[in-house]
Amino acid sequence: MESVAELQKHIDELSFAIDAQLEVLKSLEKRRSDARRALNSKLDPVARLPLELSTEIFMLCTPNLRRPVFAKEPLKFLHVCRLWREIAVSCPSLWTSIQINENESTDPEFYEACSNWLERARALPLSICLRGLVGEPLGVLLKRFAGQVACLELYIPDDICLYCVERQVPFSSLQTIKICHSKQASDSEEMFDDSEFDVDTFYDSSIDLLLGAPSLVECIFDSIQHAENLERDREVHTSLRHLRLGTPSVHSYQSRNSANILLYLKLPALETLHLSDLDISPGDFVSFVSESGCAASLQALYMKISNNAEWQFSSDLLSLCFRSFAALKTLEFFHIDDHDFLVFLEVFGSAQDFLPNLNNFFLHGYFGKSSHWNVLLDTMLSRGSARNGSLQSVKVISISMNMPKRTDPHDGVLRRIRELVKEGMSIYVGNLHTNFI
């Protein structure tokens, strides 16, 4: 019978032999893996393409909405084979855009994955979209890459989230920012349509974030109620050209947004302005334009007029608010009534020095009497002919055409308007569904 020492020695010998065989097996598996990669390289069409073409294919296969999910592109490319990983890592453009949802950020390794993602973009401009609560970890991530961020979208539940962003170093390269107030966070893009937005009051943080981006060109605020009683003076932003405060719309569920932020800004380079809620007075609007000095630069203005008695049109009000816009090319009014419709057309049609360079106007609201179409025709004849003006496009949508006491344009008006169309003017006169021209 073998002794204990002999049995232990035998076990050690067997263990050593097993370890040796495992090393042999490991070596064989590596050689097999290398052989498979070599075979894949021979068979994989991507391997035979120039690197520039391979990266272009990867770009085309990657959605614009890029999330740090391993089962989706571009992260999926890293786990196909070594060649695909090398191609993906060597293409910085694949990693310049990222969307981070609140419910995806619970994994302790998540922020490291996001950091690695953005590092692969190297020095290229970044586009970052954050949906949900913006806490300190995301704030640290933004601080690290703030100088590269060119586009920033925030869908957030309150203005407290903005302080985690605004306190970071200035966004020196930021050109576009969109801030939307959202009642809930979700990983589904569809959950962030306008129906999910509710107006909430945002204070200094959104203004400070805007002013902390000296290269900003476009700013969009959606469903945000800017306070009207902040103790701060107007501050100038010299590069902002496009400001959208909500989205004026023909639909009743248009996104809303306060215009009170105009009380605190001077925007001398402003070219387009969207106002979905006129909760400032005509005097405040004129003060904004005057102190900004943007009357000469503004080219497009979109305004929702309803539900504010101070903005009921008159020749004096139109002259006060709009006569200085000599460069304005596009003007759109939403939700106007019969009175405003007639006053605007009469002033615009009779005064050639009122908005002299206007090429396009769009009127939407509650009108549609027979006399309205006659005034519309007279205005287009006055300001749209080759001799008298530069008007090129007219769109008039009446919500009331199918209501009692409302009439479609009669045949004589339609015939003359169609002659203007033949002369080159683009004209839409009708309801939301039908152009009677």
Protein backbone atom coordinates (compact mmCIF):
# COMPACT_ATOMS: atom_id res chain seq x y z
CA MET A 1 0.00 0.00 0.00
CA GLU A 2 1.29 3.41 -0.99
CA SER A 3 2.16 5.84 1.74
CA VAL A 4 0.64 9.30 2.09
CA ALA A 5 3.82 10.90 0.78
CA GLU A 6 3.82 8.72 -2.32
CA LEU A 7 0.15 9.52 -3.06
CA GLN A 8 0.79 13.23 -2.65
CA LYS A 9 3.78 12.98 -5.00
CA HIS A 10 1.63 11.16 -7.57
CA ILE A 11 -1.06 13.86 -7.34
CA ASP A 12 1.55 16.56 -7.85
CA GLU A 13 2.88 14.77 -10.93
CA LEU A 14 -0.62 14.48 -12.39
CA SER A 15 -1.31 18.15 -11.65
CA PHE A 16 1.91 19.15 -13.36
CA ALA A 17 1.00 17.00 -16.38
CA ILE A 18 -2.47 18.54 -16.53
CA ASP A 19 -1.01 22.06 -16.37
CA ALA A 20 1.38 21.18 -19.17
CA GLN A 21 -1.47 19.83 -21.29
CA LEU A 22 -3.54 22.94 -20.56
CA GLU A 23 -0.69 25.07 -21.81
CA VAL A 24 -0.54 22.93 -24.95
CA LEU A 25 -4.34 23.29 -25.33
CA LYS A 26 -4.12 27.04 -24.80
CA SER A 27 -1.38 27.25 -27.42
CA LEU A 28 -3.45 25.20 -29.86
CA GLU A 29 -6.54 27.35 -29.28
CA LYS A 30 -4.51 30.50 -29.91
CA ARG A 31 -3.07 29.04 -33.10
CA ARG A 32 -6.57 28.06 -34.20
CA SER A 33 -7.85 31.55 -33.42
CA ASP A 34 -4.96 33.10 -35.36
CA ALA A 35 -5.69 30.76 -38.27
CA ARG A 36 -9.36 31.74 -38.23
CA ARG A 37 -8.46 35.42 -38.21
CA ALA A 38 -6.09 34.83 -41.11
CA LEU A 39 -8.85 33.00 -42.97
CA ASN A 40 -11.35 35.77 -42.17
CA SER A 41 -8.86 38.31 -43.47
CA LYS A 42 -8.67 36.37 -46.72
CA LEU A 43 -12.45 35.99 -47.00
CA ASP A 44 -13.65 39.25 -45.37
CA PRO A 45 -14.31 41.79 -48.15
CA VAL A 46 -13.69 44.61 -45.66
CA ALA A 47 -10.10 43.43 -45.28
CA ARG A 48 -9.49 43.92 -48.99
CA LEU A 49 -10.79 47.48 -49.05
CA PRO A 50 -8.76 50.65 -48.55
CA LEU A 51 -9.06 51.96 -44.99
CA GLU A 52 -10.84 55.11 -46.16
CA LEU A 53 -13.58 53.06 -47.83
CA SER A 54 -13.93 50.70 -44.86
CA THR A 55 -14.40 53.58 -42.46
CA GLU A 56 -16.96 55.16 -44.80
CA ILE A 57 -18.96 51.91 -44.76
CA PHE A 58 -18.80 51.84 -40.97
CA MET A 59 -20.07 55.43 -40.87
CA LEU A 60 -23.01 54.56 -43.14
CA CYS A 61 -23.91 51.59 -40.90
CA THR A 62 -23.89 53.72 -37.76
CA PRO A 63 -27.10 55.59 -36.80
CA ASN A 64 -27.02 59.31 -36.16
CA LEU A 65 -28.39 58.60 -32.69
CA ARG A 66 -25.45 56.80 -31.08
CA ARG A 67 -25.78 55.30 -27.65
CA PRO A 68 -23.10 53.51 -25.59
CA VAL A 69 -24.83 50.13 -25.90
CA PHE A 70 -22.61 47.16 -26.68
CA ALA A 71 -25.18 45.48 -28.94
CA LYS A 72 -25.38 48.54 -31.19
CA GLU A 73 -23.02 50.23 -33.59
CA PRO A 74 -20.36 51.51 -33.27
CA LEU A 75 -19.48 49.53 -30.12
CA LYS A 76 -20.62 46.39 -31.90
CA PHE A 77 -17.78 46.81 -34.42
CA LEU A 78 -15.22 46.40 -31.62
CA HIS A 79 -16.27 42.82 -30.92
CA VAL A 80 -16.45 41.30 -34.41
CA CYS A 81 -12.74 40.69 -34.96
CA ARG A 82 -9.39 42.39 -34.47
CA LEU A 83 -9.46 43.93 -37.95
CA TRP A 84 -12.88 45.49 -37.46
CA ARG A 85 -11.82 46.80 -34.07
CA GLU A 86 -8.72 48.39 -35.57
CA ILE A 87 -10.81 50.02 -38.29
CA ALA A 88 -13.39 51.34 -35.80
CA VAL A 89 -10.78 52.69 -33.39
CA SER A 90 -8.88 54.37 -36.24
CA CYS A 91 -12.01 56.29 -37.34
CA PRO A 92 -12.55 59.25 -34.95
CA SER A 93 -15.74 60.30 -36.76
CA LEU A 94 -17.53 57.20 -35.47
CA TRP A 95 -17.20 58.49 -31.91
CA THR A 96 -18.05 62.20 -32.19
CA SER A 97 -21.73 61.77 -31.27
CA ILE A 98 -23.21 60.18 -28.13
CA GLN A 99 -26.58 60.07 -26.39
CA ILE A 100 -26.65 59.23 -22.69
CA ASN A 101 -29.95 58.30 -21.04
CA GLU A 102 -30.49 58.51 -17.31
CA ASN A 103 -31.54 54.87 -16.89
CA GLU A 104 -28.37 53.68 -18.65
CA SER A 105 -26.04 55.38 -16.20
CA THR A 106 -26.37 53.04 -13.21
CA ASP A 107 -23.51 50.71 -14.19
CA PRO A 108 -20.30 51.68 -12.32
CA GLU A 109 -18.33 51.12 -15.53
CA PHE A 110 -20.71 53.21 -17.61
CA TYR A 111 -18.90 56.54 -17.29
CA GLU A 112 -15.58 54.90 -18.10
CA ALA A 113 -17.15 53.47 -21.25
CA CYS A 114 -18.47 56.94 -22.17
CA SER A 115 -15.07 58.47 -21.49
CA ASN A 116 -13.36 55.89 -23.71
CA TRP A 117 -15.95 56.56 -26.38
CA LEU A 118 -15.25 60.30 -26.45
CA GLU A 119 -11.48 59.76 -26.29
CA ARG A 120 -11.68 57.83 -29.57
CA ALA A 121 -12.99 61.00 -31.23
CA ARG A 122 -9.56 62.52 -30.58
CA ALA A 123 -9.66 66.25 -31.31
CA LEU A 124 -12.84 66.29 -33.44
CA PRO A 125 -15.86 68.41 -32.38
CA LEU A 126 -18.33 66.48 -30.22
CA SER A 127 -22.13 66.23 -30.18
CA ILE A 128 -23.54 65.20 -26.80
CA CYS A 129 -27.18 64.52 -25.91
CA LEU A 130 -28.21 63.96 -22.27
CA ARG A 131 -31.70 62.76 -21.41
CA GLY A 132 -32.83 62.77 -17.79
CA LEU A 133 -31.13 63.84 -14.59
CA VAL A 134 -27.72 65.42 -15.06
CA GLY A 135 -25.78 64.54 -11.93
CA GLU A 136 -22.21 65.10 -10.81
CA PRO A 137 -20.68 62.14 -12.71
CA LEU A 138 -22.01 63.46 -16.01
CA GLY A 139 -20.91 66.95 -14.98
CA VAL A 140 -17.35 65.68 -14.54
CA LEU A 141 -17.51 64.03 -17.96
CA LEU A 142 -18.74 67.26 -19.56
CA LYS A 143 -16.04 69.26 -17.79
CA ARG A 144 -13.34 67.01 -19.22
CA PHE A 145 -14.55 67.36 -22.82
CA ALA A 146 -16.20 70.81 -22.63
CA GLY A 147 -13.67 72.41 -24.95
CA GLN A 148 -14.55 69.97 -27.75
CA VAL A 149 -18.35 70.06 -27.48
CA ALA A 150 -19.85 71.71 -30.56
CA CYS A 151 -23.47 70.57 -30.08
CA LEU A 152 -25.18 69.97 -26.73
CA GLU A 153 -28.76 68.76 -26.20
CA LEU A 154 -30.27 68.53 -22.72
CA TYR A 155 -33.66 66.97 -22.00
CA ILE A 156 -33.96 67.59 -18.29
CA PRO A 157 -36.67 67.68 -15.58
CA ASP A 158 -35.67 70.94 -13.88
CA ASP A 159 -33.16 73.78 -13.89
CA ILE A 160 -31.18 72.23 -11.03
CA CYS A 161 -29.67 69.90 -13.63
CA LEU A 162 -28.30 72.90 -15.48
CA TYR A 163 -26.15 73.93 -12.55
CA CYS A 164 -24.17 70.69 -12.94
CA VAL A 165 -23.45 71.81 -16.52
CA GLU A 166 -23.18 75.56 -16.13
CA ARG A 167 -20.60 75.32 -13.32
CA GLN A 168 -18.17 73.53 -15.62
CA VAL A 169 -15.48 75.27 -17.65
CA PRO A 170 -16.87 77.43 -20.49
CA PHE A 171 -17.90 75.62 -23.65
CA SER A 172 -15.45 77.47 -25.87
CA SER A 173 -16.34 75.53 -29.06
CA LEU A 174 -20.09 75.14 -28.51
CA GLN A 175 -22.08 76.26 -31.57
CA THR A 176 -25.53 74.73 -30.98
CA ILE A 177 -27.40 74.14 -27.75
CA LYS A 178 -30.90 72.78 -27.18
CA ILE A 179 -32.47 72.69 -23.70
CA CYS A 180 -35.89 71.06 -23.25
CA HIS A 181 -37.82 70.68 -20.06
CA SER A 182 -39.06 67.10 -19.86
CA LYS A 183 -41.25 65.62 -17.15
CA GLN A 184 -39.71 62.17 -17.38
CA ALA A 185 -36.64 60.40 -18.65
CA SER A 186 -36.76 57.41 -20.95
CA ASP A 187 -34.48 55.46 -23.22
CA SER A 188 -37.09 55.70 -25.93
CA GLU A 189 -36.65 58.62 -28.29
CA GLU A 190 -40.39 58.72 -28.94
CA MET A 191 -41.02 59.53 -25.27
CA PHE A 192 -39.51 62.98 -25.80
CA ASP A 193 -41.98 64.46 -28.25
CA ASP A 194 -43.80 67.70 -27.51
CA SER A 195 -46.56 65.93 -25.58
CA GLU A 196 -44.07 65.09 -22.84
CA PHE A 197 -43.04 68.69 -22.29
CA ASP A 198 -44.47 70.87 -19.57
CA VAL A 199 -43.48 74.47 -18.99
CA ASP A 200 -41.27 74.98 -15.94
CA THR A 201 -39.45 78.03 -14.61
CA PHE A 202 -35.72 78.21 -15.27
CA TYR A 203 -33.73 80.98 -13.70
CA ASP A 204 -30.18 82.25 -14.20
CA SER A 205 -28.66 78.88 -15.11
CA SER A 206 -29.91 78.71 -18.70
CA ILE A 207 -28.86 82.31 -19.37
CA ASP A 208 -25.44 81.74 -17.82
CA LEU A 209 -24.95 78.61 -19.91
CA LEU A 210 -25.76 80.57 -23.07
CA LEU A 211 -23.42 83.42 -22.13
CA GLY A 212 -20.68 80.92 -21.20
CA ALA A 213 -20.49 79.72 -24.81
CA PRO A 214 -18.85 82.59 -26.72
CA SER A 215 -18.95 80.78 -30.10
CA LEU A 216 -22.63 79.86 -29.87
CA VAL A 217 -24.53 80.28 -33.15
CA GLU A 218 -27.87 78.55 -32.48
CA CYS A 219 -29.85 78.26 -29.25
CA ILE A 220 -33.14 76.40 -28.74
CA PHE A 221 -35.21 76.53 -25.55
CA ASP A 222 -38.32 74.35 -25.41
CA SER A 223 -41.01 74.40 -22.71
CA ILE A 224 -39.00 76.64 -20.41
CA GLN A 225 -40.52 79.53 -18.50
CA HIS A 226 -37.77 82.09 -17.96
CA ALA A 227 -38.41 84.22 -14.90
CA GLU A 228 -39.34 87.86 -15.56
CA ASN A 229 -38.05 89.37 -12.32
CA LEU A 230 -34.37 88.43 -12.25
CA GLU A 231 -32.08 91.08 -10.87
CA ARG A 232 -29.67 91.23 -13.75
CA ASP A 233 -28.94 93.66 -16.58
CA ARG A 234 -28.97 92.84 -20.25
CA GLU A 235 -25.81 91.06 -21.34
CA VAL A 236 -24.48 90.84 -24.86
CA HIS A 237 -23.77 87.72 -26.87
CA THR A 238 -22.02 88.70 -30.06
CA SER A 239 -22.15 85.49 -32.13
CA LEU A 240 -25.68 84.08 -31.57
CA ARG A 241 -27.53 84.15 -34.90
CA HIS A 242 -30.51 81.83 -34.37
CA LEU A 243 -32.74 81.81 -31.27
CA ARG A 244 -35.75 79.50 -31.02
CA LEU A 245 -37.99 79.97 -27.98
CA GLY A 246 -40.41 77.10 -28.45
CA THR A 247 -41.85 76.26 -31.86
CA PRO A 248 -44.68 78.41 -33.26
CA SER A 249 -46.97 75.93 -34.95
CA VAL A 250 -50.26 75.56 -36.78
CA HIS A 251 -51.19 72.79 -34.35
CA SER A 252 -52.69 73.23 -30.90
CA TYR A 253 -49.99 71.08 -29.28
CA GLN A 254 -47.09 73.29 -30.35
CA SER A 255 -44.18 73.42 -27.96
CA ARG A 256 -44.24 76.48 -25.77
CA ASN A 257 -41.58 78.66 -24.28
CA SER A 258 -41.32 81.94 -22.48
CA ALA A 259 -39.95 84.99 -24.27
CA ASN A 260 -38.84 86.58 -21.00
CA ILE A 261 -35.22 85.65 -21.68
CA LEU A 262 -35.18 88.56 -24.15
CA LEU A 263 -35.34 90.88 -21.13
CA TYR A 264 -31.79 89.86 -20.20
CA LEU A 265 -30.00 89.63 -23.56
CA LYS A 266 -28.53 91.77 -26.32
CA LEU A 267 -28.05 89.84 -29.57
CA PRO A 268 -26.53 92.10 -32.23
CA ALA A 269 -25.89 89.25 -34.73
CA LEU A 270 -29.40 87.74 -34.53
CA GLU A 271 -30.74 86.53 -37.90
CA THR A 272 -33.73 84.31 -36.99
CA LEU A 273 -36.08 84.48 -34.01
CA HIS A 274 -38.90 82.07 -33.08
CA LEU A 275 -41.37 83.16 -30.38
CA SER A 276 -44.06 80.67 -29.39
CA ASP A 277 -45.32 82.64 -26.35
CA LEU A 278 -45.53 86.42 -26.48
CA ASP A 279 -45.45 86.93 -22.72
CA ILE A 280 -43.48 90.14 -23.09
CA SER A 281 -45.03 93.46 -24.02
CA PRO A 282 -44.55 95.19 -27.37
CA GLY A 283 -42.47 97.78 -25.51
CA ASP A 284 -40.15 95.09 -24.12
CA PHE A 285 -39.82 93.57 -27.57
CA VAL A 286 -38.89 96.92 -29.08
CA SER A 287 -36.39 97.52 -26.27
CA PHE A 288 -34.76 94.16 -26.98
CA VAL A 289 -34.44 94.96 -30.68
CA SER A 290 -33.20 98.48 -30.03
CA GLU A 291 -30.62 97.57 -27.37
CA SER A 292 -29.45 94.55 -29.37
CA GLY A 293 -29.10 96.56 -32.56
CA CYS A 294 -30.35 93.49 -34.46
CA ALA A 295 -32.91 95.24 -36.69
CA ALA A 296 -30.38 95.36 -39.52
CA SER A 297 -29.41 91.68 -39.21
CA LEU A 298 -32.75 89.95 -38.53
CA GLN A 299 -33.88 88.03 -41.61
CA ALA A 300 -36.61 85.70 -40.33
CA LEU A 301 -39.21 86.18 -37.58
CA TYR A 302 -41.79 83.62 -36.41
CA MET A 303 -44.39 84.67 -33.82
CA LYS A 304 -47.48 83.19 -32.18
CA ILE A 305 -49.82 86.10 -31.54
CA SER A 306 -52.90 84.71 -29.75
CA ASN A 307 -53.90 85.15 -26.10
CA ASN A 308 -52.17 88.48 -25.52
CA ALA A 309 -54.35 91.59 -25.75
CA GLU A 310 -51.30 93.87 -25.78
CA TRP A 311 -50.40 92.44 -29.18
CA GLN A 312 -53.69 93.20 -30.95
CA PHE A 313 -52.57 94.65 -34.25
CA SER A 314 -52.92 98.28 -35.18
CA SER A 315 -51.02 100.38 -37.67
CA ASP A 316 -49.20 102.08 -34.79
CA LEU A 317 -48.21 98.77 -33.15
CA LEU A 318 -46.98 97.28 -36.43
CA SER A 319 -44.98 100.40 -37.16
CA LEU A 320 -43.51 100.42 -33.64
CA CYS A 321 -42.51 96.74 -33.62
CA PHE A 322 -41.63 95.89 -37.22
CA ARG A 323 -40.88 98.97 -39.32
CA SER A 324 -37.20 98.92 -38.34
CA PHE A 325 -36.68 95.42 -39.84
CA ALA A 326 -35.36 96.58 -43.18
CA ALA A 327 -33.50 93.31 -43.84
CA LEU A 328 -36.36 90.96 -42.88
CA LYS A 329 -37.04 88.41 -45.62
CA THR A 330 -39.40 85.94 -43.90
CA LEU A 331 -42.27 86.72 -41.52
CA GLU A 332 -44.72 84.18 -40.06
CA PHE A 333 -47.65 84.91 -37.74
CA PHE A 334 -49.53 82.05 -36.06
CA HIS A 335 -52.99 82.06 -34.47
CA ILE A 336 -54.06 85.55 -35.59
CA ASP A 337 -57.71 86.59 -35.83
CA ASP A 338 -59.79 88.43 -38.44
CA HIS A 339 -58.78 91.83 -37.13
CA ASP A 340 -55.03 91.16 -37.09
CA PHE A 341 -55.23 89.55 -40.54
CA LEU A 342 -56.79 92.64 -42.13
CA VAL A 343 -54.63 95.18 -40.29
CA PHE A 344 -51.38 93.47 -41.28
CA LEU A 345 -52.36 93.12 -44.95
CA GLU A 346 -53.59 96.71 -45.18
CA VAL A 347 -50.41 98.13 -43.63
CA PHE A 348 -48.09 95.86 -45.62
CA GLY A 349 -49.95 96.44 -48.88
CA SER A 350 -50.20 100.21 -48.61
CA ALA A 351 -46.77 101.16 -47.23
CA GLN A 352 -43.90 100.22 -49.53
CA ASP A 353 -41.37 101.24 -46.88
CA PHE A 354 -42.87 98.78 -44.36
CA LEU A 355 -40.74 95.60 -44.48
CA PRO A 356 -39.36 96.63 -47.89
CA ASN A 357 -37.33 93.46 -48.47
CA LEU A 358 -39.88 90.89 -47.28
CA ASN A 359 -39.84 87.91 -49.66
CA ASN A 360 -42.08 85.47 -47.79
CA PHE A 361 -44.98 85.76 -45.37
CA PHE A 362 -47.15 83.12 -43.73
CA LEU A 363 -50.39 83.91 -41.92
CA HIS A 364 -52.24 81.27 -39.93
CA GLY A 365 -55.37 81.77 -37.88
CA TYR A 366 -59.07 82.42 -37.69
CA PHE A 367 -60.19 84.33 -40.77
CA GLY A 368 -61.92 83.53 -44.04
CA LYS A 369 -64.59 86.08 -44.99
CA SER A 370 -64.99 87.05 -48.63
CA SER A 371 -63.57 90.53 -47.97
CA HIS A 372 -60.41 88.99 -46.51
CA TRP A 373 -59.48 87.36 -49.81
CA ASN A 374 -59.96 90.62 -51.69
CA VAL A 375 -57.57 92.40 -49.32
CA LEU A 376 -55.10 89.51 -49.66
CA LEU A 377 -55.21 89.78 -53.45
CA ASP A 378 -54.70 93.54 -53.35
CA THR A 379 -51.68 93.09 -51.06
CA MET A 380 -50.07 90.49 -53.32
CA LEU A 381 -50.66 92.71 -56.37
CA SER A 382 -49.17 95.70 -54.56
CA ARG A 383 -46.09 94.02 -53.10
CA GLY A 384 -45.54 91.03 -55.37
CA SER A 385 -45.29 92.43 -58.87
CA ALA A 386 -41.94 92.81 -60.56
CA ARG A 387 -42.44 96.57 -60.54
CA ASN A 388 -43.59 97.14 -56.96
CA GLY A 389 -41.89 94.69 -54.65
CA SER A 390 -39.89 91.64 -53.80
CA LEU A 391 -42.64 89.39 -52.44
CA GLN A 392 -42.01 85.86 -53.72
CA SER A 393 -43.96 83.49 -51.48
CA VAL A 394 -47.30 83.74 -49.66
CA LYS A 395 -48.88 81.08 -47.46
CA VAL A 396 -52.24 81.70 -45.84
CA ILE A 397 -53.90 78.95 -43.80
CA SER A 398 -57.37 79.55 -42.37
CA ILE A 399 -58.59 77.35 -39.54
CA SER A 400 -62.09 78.73 -40.08
CA MET A 401 -62.78 77.93 -43.72
CA ASN A 402 -65.22 75.14 -42.88
CA MET A 403 -67.01 77.12 -40.17
CA PRO A 404 -70.30 79.08 -40.58
CA LYS A 405 -70.04 82.54 -42.15
CA ARG A 406 -66.66 81.66 -43.66
CA THR A 407 -66.25 81.51 -47.41
CA ASP A 408 -63.63 80.21 -49.78
CA PRO A 409 -62.06 82.72 -52.19
CA HIS A 410 -64.48 83.34 -55.07
CA ASP A 411 -63.62 82.47 -58.66
CA GLY A 412 -62.46 85.95 -59.65
CA VAL A 413 -59.97 86.13 -56.79
CA LEU A 414 -58.75 82.59 -57.44
CA ARG A 415 -58.27 83.32 -61.14
CA ARG A 416 -56.20 86.42 -60.46
CA ILE A 417 -54.11 84.66 -57.80
CA ARG A 418 -53.40 81.82 -60.22
CA GLU A 419 -52.13 84.38 -62.69
CA LEU A 420 -49.64 85.51 -60.05
CA VAL A 421 -48.55 81.89 -59.66
CA LYS A 422 -47.93 81.69 -63.41
CA GLU A 423 -45.82 84.84 -63.11
CA GLY A 424 -43.58 83.02 -60.63
CA MET A 425 -45.00 83.68 -57.16
CA SER A 426 -45.41 80.72 -54.81
CA ILE A 427 -48.88 80.90 -53.22
CA TYR A 428 -50.79 78.65 -50.83
CA VAL A 429 -54.28 79.76 -49.81
CA GLY A 430 -56.43 77.21 -48.04
CA ASN A 431 -56.70 75.11 -44.91
CA LEU A 432 -54.28 72.66 -43.34
CA HIS A 433 -55.06 70.05 -45.97
CA THR A 434 -55.98 71.82 -49.20
CA ASN A 435 -54.49 74.58 -51.30
CA PHE A 436 -57.39 76.17 -53.20
CA ILE A 437 -54.97 77.67 -55.68
